C-alpha atoms as a PDB file:
ATOM      1  CA  MET A   1      29.303   2.814-162.401  1.00  0.00           C
ATOM      2  CA  ALA A   2      27.018  -0.040-163.310  1.00  0.00           C
ATOM      3  CA  ARG A   3      27.922  -3.502-162.074  1.00  0.00           C
ATOM      4  CA  ASP A   4      25.552  -5.448-164.341  1.00  0.00           C
ATOM      5  CA  PRO A   5      23.287  -4.810-167.378  1.00  0.00           C
ATOM      6  CA  LEU A   6      20.187  -4.079-165.267  1.00  0.00           C
ATOM      7  CA  GLU A   7      22.025  -1.392-163.315  1.00  0.00           C
ATOM      8  CA  PHE A   8      23.255   0.113-166.582  1.00  0.00           C
ATOM      9  CA  LEU A   9      19.693   0.211-167.934  1.00  0.00           C
ATOM     10  CA  LEU A  10      18.350   1.794-164.742  1.00  0.00           C
ATOM     11  CA  LEU A  11      21.078   4.451-164.730  1.00  0.00           C
ATOM     12  CA  VAL A  12      20.436   5.320-168.389  1.00  0.00           C
ATOM     13  CA  GLU A  13      16.702   5.644-167.734  1.00  0.00           C
ATOM     14  CA  ALA A  14      17.286   7.736-164.611  1.00  0.00           C
ATOM     15  CA  LYS A  15      19.589  10.046-166.547  1.00  0.00           C
ATOM     16  CA  TRP A  16      17.000  10.436-169.315  1.00  0.00           C
ATOM     17  CA  PHE A  17      14.152  11.212-166.874  1.00  0.00           C
ATOM     18  CA  HIS A  18      16.346  13.723-165.062  1.00  0.00           C
ATOM     19  CA  LYS A  19      17.214  15.454-168.337  1.00  0.00           C
ATOM     20  CA  GLN A  20      13.537  15.542-169.347  1.00  0.00           C
ATOM     21  CA  ALA A  21      12.507  17.054-166.019  1.00  0.00           C
ATOM     22  CA  ASP A  22      15.220  19.693-166.378  1.00  0.00           C
ATOM     23  CA  ASP A  23      14.102  20.526-169.928  1.00  0.00           C
ATOM     24  CA  TYR A  24      10.450  20.857-168.851  1.00  0.00           C
ATOM     25  CA  ARG A  25      11.495  23.079-165.944  1.00  0.00           C
ATOM     26  CA  ARG A  26      13.403  25.303-168.332  1.00  0.00           C
ATOM     27  CA  MET A  27      10.400  25.507-170.697  1.00  0.00           C
ATOM     28  CA  ALA A  28       7.996  26.260-167.839  1.00  0.00           C
ATOM     29  CA  VAL A  29       9.885  29.320-166.597  1.00  0.00           C
ATOM     30  CA  ARG A  30      10.735  31.049-169.850  1.00  0.00           C
ATOM     31  CA  PRO A  31      11.517  34.727-169.361  1.00  0.00           C
ATOM     32  CA  PHE A  32       8.800  37.292-170.113  1.00  0.00           C
ATOM     33  CA  ARG A  33       6.084  34.620-170.394  1.00  0.00           C
ATOM     34  CA  PRO A  34       3.587  33.243-167.894  1.00  0.00           C
ATOM     35  CA  LEU A  35       4.239  29.887-166.273  1.00  0.00           C
ATOM     36  CA  ASP A  36       3.260  26.943-168.441  1.00  0.00           C
ATOM     37  CA  ASP A  37       1.106  24.541-166.405  1.00  0.00           C
ATOM     38  CA  VAL A  38       1.484  21.674-168.878  1.00  0.00           C
ATOM     39  CA  CYS A  39       5.274  21.837-168.664  1.00  0.00           C
ATOM     40  CA  ILE A  40       5.133  21.988-164.879  1.00  0.00           C
ATOM     41  CA  GLU A  41       2.916  18.897-164.782  1.00  0.00           C
ATOM     42  CA  LYS A  42       5.247  17.009-167.156  1.00  0.00           C
ATOM     43  CA  MET A  43       8.231  18.106-165.073  1.00  0.00           C
ATOM     44  CA  MET A  44       6.611  16.710-161.928  1.00  0.00           C
ATOM     45  CA  ARG A  45       5.831  13.402-163.675  1.00  0.00           C
ATOM     46  CA  SER A  46       9.380  13.114-164.995  1.00  0.00           C
ATOM     47  CA  SER A  47      10.784  13.874-161.545  1.00  0.00           C
ATOM     48  CA  ALA A  48       8.535  11.250-159.956  1.00  0.00           C
ATOM     49  CA  ALA A  49       9.604   8.688-162.566  1.00  0.00           C
ATOM     50  CA  PHE A  50      13.258   9.551-161.912  1.00  0.00           C
ATOM     51  CA  LEU A  51      12.783   8.975-158.184  1.00  0.00           C
ATOM     52  CA  LYS A  52      11.056   5.630-158.792  1.00  0.00           C
ATOM     53  CA  VAL A  53      13.818   4.422-161.114  1.00  0.00           C
ATOM     54  CA  TYR A  54      16.492   5.577-158.687  1.00  0.00           C
ATOM     55  CA  ASP A  55      14.727   3.784-155.817  1.00  0.00           C
ATOM     56  CA  VAL A  56      14.634   0.579-157.862  1.00  0.00           C
ATOM     57  CA  PHE A  57      18.341   1.030-158.594  1.00  0.00           C
ATOM     58  CA  ARG A  58      19.168   1.440-154.914  1.00  0.00           C
ATOM     59  CA  LYS A  59      17.111  -1.616-153.974  1.00  0.00           C
ATOM     60  CA  HIS A  60      18.764  -3.671-156.707  1.00  0.00           C
ATOM     61  CA  ARG A  61      22.248  -2.545-155.725  1.00  0.00           C
ATOM     62  CA  GLY A  62      21.644  -3.346-152.059  1.00  0.00           C
ATOM     63  CA  ARG A  63      19.692  -6.540-152.845  1.00  0.00           C
ATOM     64  CA  GLY A  64      17.338  -5.580-150.006  1.00  0.00           C
ATOM     65  CA  GLU A  65      20.101  -5.816-147.414  1.00  0.00           C
ATOM     66  CA  GLN A  66      20.803  -3.249-144.783  1.00  0.00           C
ATOM     67  CA  LYS A  67      24.220  -2.944-143.236  1.00  0.00           C
ATOM     68  CA  MET A  68      24.580  -2.016-139.620  1.00  0.00           C
ATOM     69  CA  ILE A  69      27.927  -1.514-137.933  1.00  0.00           C
ATOM     70  CA  VAL A  70      27.871  -2.153-134.214  1.00  0.00           C
ATOM     71  CA  GLU A  71      30.873  -0.995-132.253  1.00  0.00           C
ATOM     72  CA  HIS A  72      31.450  -2.638-128.913  1.00  0.00           C
ATOM     73  CA  ARG A  73      32.759  -0.320-126.237  1.00  0.00           C
ATOM     74  CA  SER A  74      34.218  -1.533-123.033  1.00  0.00           C
ATOM     75  CA  ALA A  75      33.231  -0.023-119.717  1.00  0.00           C
ATOM     76  CA  PRO A  76      36.490   1.935-119.135  1.00  0.00           C
ATOM     77  CA  ALA A  77      36.227   3.609-122.561  1.00  0.00           C
ATOM     78  CA  ALA A  78      32.626   4.621-121.900  1.00  0.00           C
ATOM     79  CA  ALA A  79      33.567   6.010-118.492  1.00  0.00           C
ATOM     80  CA  GLU A  80      36.454   7.966-120.011  1.00  0.00           C
ATOM     81  CA  ARG A  81      34.160   9.378-122.689  1.00  0.00           C
ATOM     82  CA  ALA A  82      31.657  10.410-120.007  1.00  0.00           C
ATOM     83  CA  LYS A  83      34.406  12.276-118.150  1.00  0.00           C
ATOM     84  CA  ARG A  84      35.246  14.293-121.263  1.00  0.00           C
ATOM     85  CA  ASP A  85      31.604  15.085-122.030  1.00  0.00           C
ATOM     86  CA  PRO A  86      31.160  18.871-121.649  1.00  0.00           C
ATOM     87  CA  ARG A  87      27.515  18.444-120.670  1.00  0.00           C
ATOM     88  CA  ARG A  88      28.556  16.628-117.522  1.00  0.00           C
ATOM     89  CA  THR A  89      31.149  19.212-116.475  1.00  0.00           C
ATOM     90  CA  ALA A  90      29.064  22.329-117.079  1.00  0.00           C
ATOM     91  CA  THR A  91      27.641  24.003-114.006  1.00  0.00           C
ATOM     92  CA  ARG A  92      23.888  24.327-113.945  1.00  0.00           C
ATOM     93  CA  THR A  93      21.713  26.790-112.100  1.00  0.00           C
ATOM     94  CA  ASN A  94      18.892  25.600-109.959  1.00  0.00           C
ATOM     95  CA  THR A  95      15.860  26.478-112.053  1.00  0.00           C
ATOM     96  CA  LYS A  96      13.384  25.066-109.589  1.00  0.00           C
ATOM     97  CA  ARG A  97      14.201  27.586-106.874  1.00  0.00           C
ATOM     98  CA  ASN A  98      15.099  30.499-109.196  1.00  0.00           C
ATOM     99  CA  ASP A  99      17.680  31.905-106.815  1.00  0.00           C
ATOM    100  CA  ASP A 100      20.664  31.565-109.223  1.00  0.00           C
ATOM    101  CA  LYS A 101      22.534  29.236-106.898  1.00  0.00           C
ATOM    102  CA  VAL A 102      24.872  26.869-108.685  1.00  0.00           C
ATOM    103  CA  ARG A 103      24.302  23.228-108.011  1.00  0.00           C
ATOM    104  CA  THR A 104      26.997  20.629-108.481  1.00  0.00           C
ATOM    105  CA  GLY A 105      26.767  17.132-109.822  1.00  0.00           C
END
């Protein structure tokens, strides 16, 4: 849902461009007729306009900010996670010697 009038306007425009692109796609691939190049071109323009409007909406909603969540892990938790990691416990064959001996570690 829109939080302010600009967001409402952008969402209405995006919806209209999306509907136009869908209508042009439907007209371009009518059954028993060849593809209509003009409709395909208009569909591509409408789709590009939709993506531009949606990008502006996302930038406006985020106000140019990016959120990053950093989780601090203590050393014992990281060590415990490493113990449970299946890649560390799997046995590997020695590919350098090609004699199918299992190496540990």
